[in-house]
């Protein structure tokens, strides 16, 4: 039984890691596109708060 639980925990950890990586990449991609579009970070922040 502990073996099964450990296996399940490893699967959960892997899924979480994949989600975090995907989200991190998406955020970097978004920032890259904004920078390419000529936004400064301040303009972007103001835009987000508007």
PDB file of N, CA and C in Angstrom:
ATOM      1  N   UNK A   1       0.821  -1.216   0.000  1.00  0.00           N
ATOM      2  CA  UNK A   1       0.000   0.000   0.000  1.00  0.00           C
ATOM      3  C   UNK A   1       0.857   1.269   0.000  1.00  0.00           C
ATOM      4  N   UNK A   2       1.869   1.367   0.862  1.00  0.00           N
ATOM      5  CA  UNK A   2       2.724   2.573   0.821  1.00  0.00           C
ATOM      6  C   UNK A   2       3.368   2.760  -0.551  1.00  0.00           C
ATOM      7  N   UNK A   3       3.682   1.642  -1.233  1.00  0.00           N
ATOM      8  CA  UNK A   3       4.280   1.712  -2.559  1.00  0.00           C
ATOM      9  C   UNK A   3       3.348   2.437  -3.524  1.00  0.00           C
ATOM     10  N   UNK A   4       2.082   2.064  -3.484  1.00  0.00           N
ATOM     11  CA  UNK A   4       1.085   2.685  -4.355  1.00  0.00           C
ATOM     12  C   UNK A   4       0.967   4.173  -4.046  1.00  0.00           C
ATOM     13  N   UNK A   5       0.957   4.502  -2.765  1.00  0.00           N
ATOM     14  CA  UNK A   5       0.833   5.906  -2.372  1.00  0.00           C
ATOM     15  C   UNK A   5       2.035   6.717  -2.849  1.00  0.00           C
ATOM     16  N   UNK A   6       3.216   6.126  -2.736  1.00  0.00           N
ATOM     17  CA  UNK A   6       4.423   6.836  -3.182  1.00  0.00           C
ATOM     18  C   UNK A   6       4.369   7.077  -4.692  1.00  0.00           C
ATOM     19  N   UNK A   7       3.908   6.059  -5.426  1.00  0.00           N
ATOM     20  CA  UNK A   7       3.782   6.183  -6.876  1.00  0.00           C
ATOM     21  C   UNK A   7       2.795   7.298  -7.223  1.00  0.00           C
ATOM     22  N   UNK A   8       1.681   7.328  -6.505  1.00  0.00           N
ATOM     23  CA  UNK A   8       0.657   8.338  -6.752  1.00  0.00           C
ATOM     24  C   UNK A   8       1.225   9.733  -6.470  1.00  0.00           C
ATOM     25  N   UNK A   9       1.978   9.863  -5.393  1.00  0.00           N
ATOM     26  CA  UNK A   9       2.563  11.155  -5.023  1.00  0.00           C
ATOM     27  C   UNK A   9       3.551  11.621  -6.093  1.00  0.00           C
ATOM     28  N   UNK A  10       4.327  10.695  -6.625  1.00  0.00           N
ATOM     29  CA  UNK A  10       5.280  11.051  -7.682  1.00  0.00           C
ATOM     30  C   UNK A  10       4.546  11.560  -8.915  1.00  0.00           C
ATOM     31  N   UNK A  11       3.424  10.914  -9.258  1.00  0.00           N
ATOM     32  CA  UNK A  11       2.638  11.347 -10.410  1.00  0.00           C
ATOM     33  C   UNK A  11       2.082  12.747 -10.181  1.00  0.00           C
ATOM     34  N   UNK A  12       1.586  12.997  -8.977  1.00  0.00           N
ATOM     35  CA  UNK A  12       1.037  14.314  -8.641  1.00  0.00           C
ATOM     36  C   UNK A  12       2.141  15.361  -8.731  1.00  0.00           C
ATOM     37  N   UNK A  13       3.300  15.055  -8.160  1.00  0.00           N
ATOM     38  CA  UNK A  13       4.423  15.992  -8.197  1.00  0.00           C
ATOM     39  C   UNK A  13       4.810  16.325  -9.631  1.00  0.00           C
ATOM     40  N   UNK A  14       4.819  15.300 -10.496  1.00  0.00           N
ATOM     41  CA  UNK A  14       5.192  15.522 -11.895  1.00  0.00           C
ATOM     42  C   UNK A  14       4.160  16.411 -12.585  1.00  0.00           C
ATOM     43  N   UNK A  15       2.877  16.147 -12.331  1.00  0.00           N
ATOM     44  CA  UNK A  15       1.817  16.960 -12.938  1.00  0.00           C
ATOM     45  C   UNK A  15       1.938  18.410 -12.502  1.00  0.00           C
ATOM     46  N   UNK A  16       2.178  18.622 -11.220  1.00  0.00           N
ATOM     47  CA  UNK A  16       2.311  19.984 -10.696  1.00  0.00           C
ATOM     48  C   UNK A  16       3.517  20.662 -11.333  1.00  0.00           C
ATOM     49  N   UNK A  17       4.625  19.946 -11.431  1.00  0.00           N
ATOM     50  CA  UNK A  17       5.838  20.512 -12.028  1.00  0.00           C
ATOM     51  C   UNK A  17       5.583  20.916 -13.475  1.00  0.00           C
ATOM     52  N   UNK A  18       4.864  20.072 -14.217  1.00  0.00           N
ATOM     53  CA  UNK A  18       4.559  20.389 -15.615  1.00  0.00           C
ATOM     54  C   UNK A  18       3.686  21.632 -15.706  1.00  0.00           C
ATOM     55  N   UNK A  19       2.685  21.722 -14.831  1.00  0.00           N
ATOM     56  CA  UNK A  19       1.805  22.892 -14.832  1.00  0.00           C
ATOM     57  C   UNK A  19       2.593  24.159 -14.542  1.00  0.00           C
ATOM     58  N   UNK A  20       3.474  24.094 -13.550  1.00  0.00           N
ATOM     59  CA  UNK A  20       4.268  25.270 -13.175  1.00  0.00           C
ATOM     60  C   UNK A  20       5.171  25.678 -14.330  1.00  0.00           C
ATOM     61  N   UNK A  21       5.835  24.697 -14.957  1.00  0.00           N
ATOM     62  CA  UNK A  21       6.718  24.999 -16.089  1.00  0.00           C
ATOM     63  C   UNK A  21       5.938  25.639 -17.222  1.00  0.00           C
ATOM     64  N   UNK A  22       4.762  25.086 -17.523  1.00  0.00           N
ATOM     65  CA  UNK A  22       3.961  25.589 -18.631  1.00  0.00           C
ATOM     66  C   UNK A  22       3.532  27.023 -18.348  1.00  0.00           C
ATOM     67  N   UNK A  23       3.104  27.269 -17.122  1.00  0.00           N
ATOM     68  CA  UNK A  23       2.656  28.608 -16.758  1.00  0.00           C
ATOM     69  C   UNK A  23       3.822  29.593 -16.812  1.00  0.00           C
ATOM     70  N   UNK A  24       4.979  29.154 -16.311  1.00  0.00           N
ATOM     71  CA  UNK A  24       6.168  30.003 -16.302  1.00  0.00           C
ATOM     72  C   UNK A  24       6.552  30.374 -17.729  1.00  0.00           C
ATOM     73  N   UNK A  25       6.530  29.388 -18.626  1.00  0.00           N
ATOM     74  CA  UNK A  25       6.863  29.644 -20.028  1.00  0.00           C
ATOM     75  C   UNK A  25       5.858  30.589 -20.650  1.00  0.00           C
ATOM     76  N   UNK A  26       4.594  30.408 -20.338  1.00  0.00           N
ATOM     77  CA  UNK A  26       3.553  31.275 -20.895  1.00  0.00           C
ATOM     78  C   UNK A  26       3.769  32.712 -20.452  1.00  0.00           C
ATOM     79  N   UNK A  27       4.145  32.910 -19.183  1.00  0.00           N
ATOM     80  CA  UNK A  27       4.362  34.265 -18.677  1.00  0.00           C
ATOM     81  C   UNK A  27       5.570  34.899 -19.348  1.00  0.00           C
ATOM     82  N   UNK A  28       6.639  34.144 -19.522  1.00  0.00           N
ATOM     83  CA  UNK A  28       7.835  34.670 -20.193  1.00  0.00           C
ATOM     84  C   UNK A  28       7.483  35.037 -21.632  1.00  0.00           C
ATOM     85  N   UNK A  29       6.720  34.180 -22.295  1.00  0.00           N
ATOM     86  CA  UNK A  29       6.312  34.406 -23.679  1.00  0.00           C
ATOM     87  C   UNK A  29       5.511  35.700 -23.782  1.00  0.00           C
ATOM     88  N   UNK A  30       4.592  35.904 -22.836  1.00  0.00           N
ATOM     89  CA  UNK A  30       3.767  37.113 -22.831  1.00  0.00           C
ATOM     90  C   UNK A  30       4.642  38.348 -22.657  1.00  0.00           C
ATOM     91  N   UNK A  31       5.575  38.295 -21.715  1.00  0.00           N
ATOM     92  CA  UNK A  31       6.468  39.435 -21.478  1.00  0.00           C
ATOM     93  C   UNK A  31       7.300  39.714 -22.723  1.00  0.00           C
ATOM     94  N   UNK A  32       7.792  38.665 -23.373  1.00  0.00           N
ATOM     95  CA  UNK A  32       8.566  38.839 -24.609  1.00  0.00           C
ATOM     96  C   UNK A  32       7.741  39.552 -25.668  1.00  0.00           C
ATOM     97  N   UNK A  33       6.497  39.134 -25.842  1.00  0.00           N
ATOM     98  CA  UNK A  33       5.641  39.748 -26.854  1.00  0.00           C
ATOM     99  C   UNK A  33       5.362  41.203 -26.528  1.00  0.00           C
ATOM    100  N   UNK A  34       5.142  41.506 -25.257  1.00  0.00           N
ATOM    101  CA  UNK A  34       4.882  42.888 -24.846  1.00  0.00           C
ATOM    102  C   UNK A  34       6.121  43.738 -25.116  1.00  0.00           C
ATOM    103  N   UNK A  35       7.296  43.225 -24.776  1.00  0.00           N
ATOM    104  CA  UNK A  35       8.536  43.962 -25.021  1.00  0.00           C
ATOM    105  C   UNK A  35       8.718  44.208 -26.511  1.00  0.00           C
ATOM    106  N   UNK A  36       8.402  43.228 -27.320  1.00  0.00           N
ATOM    107  CA  UNK A  36       8.548  43.361 -28.764  1.00  0.00           C
ATOM    108  C   UNK A  36       7.556  44.386 -29.300  1.00  0.00           C
ATOM    109  N   UNK A  37       6.400  44.471 -28.653  1.00  0.00           N
ATOM    110  CA  UNK A  37       5.373  45.411 -29.092  1.00  0.00           C
ATOM    111  C   UNK A  37       5.713  46.839 -28.670  1.00  0.00           C
ATOM    112  N   UNK A  38       6.794  47.014 -27.912  1.00  0.00           N
ATOM    113  CA  UNK A  38       7.248  48.348 -27.562  1.00  0.00           C
ATOM    114  C   UNK A  38       6.698  48.859 -26.244  1.00  0.00           C
ATOM    115  N   UNK A  39       6.043  48.000 -25.482  1.00  0.00           N
ATOM    116  CA  UNK A  39       5.570  48.398 -24.154  1.00  0.00           C
ATOM    117  C   UNK A  39       6.746  48.419 -23.184  1.00  0.00           C
ATOM    118  N   UNK A  40       6.779  49.385 -22.293  1.00  0.00           N
ATOM    119  CA  UNK A  40       7.706  49.296 -21.168  1.00  0.00           C
ATOM    120  C   UNK A  40       6.970  48.589 -20.040  1.00  0.00           C
ATOM    121  N   UNK A  41       7.707  48.144 -19.046  1.00  0.00           N
ATOM    122  CA  UNK A  41       7.084  47.455 -17.914  1.00  0.00           C
ATOM    123  C   UNK A  41       6.086  48.372 -17.230  1.00  0.00           C
ATOM    124  N   UNK A  42       6.437  49.658 -17.086  1.00  0.00           N
ATOM    125  CA  UNK A  42       5.537  50.604 -16.428  1.00  0.00           C
ATOM    126  C   UNK A  42       4.246  50.776 -17.214  1.00  0.00           C
ATOM    127  N   UNK A  43       4.343  50.901 -18.517  1.00  0.00           N
ATOM    128  CA  UNK A  43       3.153  51.023 -19.353  1.00  0.00           C
ATOM    129  C   UNK A  43       2.277  49.784 -19.184  1.00  0.00           C
ATOM    130  N   UNK A  44       2.932  48.626 -19.156  1.00  0.00           N
ATOM    131  CA  UNK A  44       2.189  47.381 -19.004  1.00  0.00           C
ATOM    132  C   UNK A  44       1.473  47.343 -17.659  1.00  0.00           C
ATOM    133  N   UNK A  45       2.175  47.754 -16.593  1.00  0.00           N
ATOM    134  CA  UNK A  45       1.570  47.755 -15.262  1.00  0.00           C
ATOM    135  C   UNK A  45       0.381  48.715 -15.219  1.00  0.00           C
ATOM    136  N   UNK A  46       0.558  49.898 -15.782  1.00  0.00           N
ATOM    137  CA  UNK A  46      -0.550  50.859 -15.825  1.00  0.00           C
ATOM    138  C   UNK A  46      -1.719  50.277 -16.610  1.00  0.00           C
ATOM    139  N   UNK A  47      -1.407  49.614 -17.703  1.00  0.00           N
ATOM    140  CA  UNK A  47      -2.430  48.998 -18.538  1.00  0.00           C
ATOM    141  C   UNK A  47      -3.195  47.938 -17.741  1.00  0.00           C
ATOM    142  N   UNK A  48      -2.473  47.143 -16.941  1.00  0.00           N
ATOM    143  CA  UNK A  48      -3.103  46.085 -16.162  1.00  0.00           C
ATOM    144  C   UNK A  48      -3.994  46.656 -15.066  1.00  0.00           C
ATOM    145  N   UNK A  49      -3.614  47.806 -14.520  1.00  0.00           N
ATOM    146  CA  UNK A  49      -4.388  48.392 -13.417  1.00  0.00           C
ATOM    147  C   UNK A  49      -5.548  49.239 -13.919  1.00  0.00           C
ATOM    148  N   UNK A  50      -5.528  49.600 -15.192  1.00  0.00           N
ATOM    149  CA  UNK A  50      -6.564  50.490 -15.726  1.00  0.00           C
ATOM    150  C   UNK A  50      -7.946  49.852 -15.615  1.00  0.00           C
TER     151      UNK A  50
END
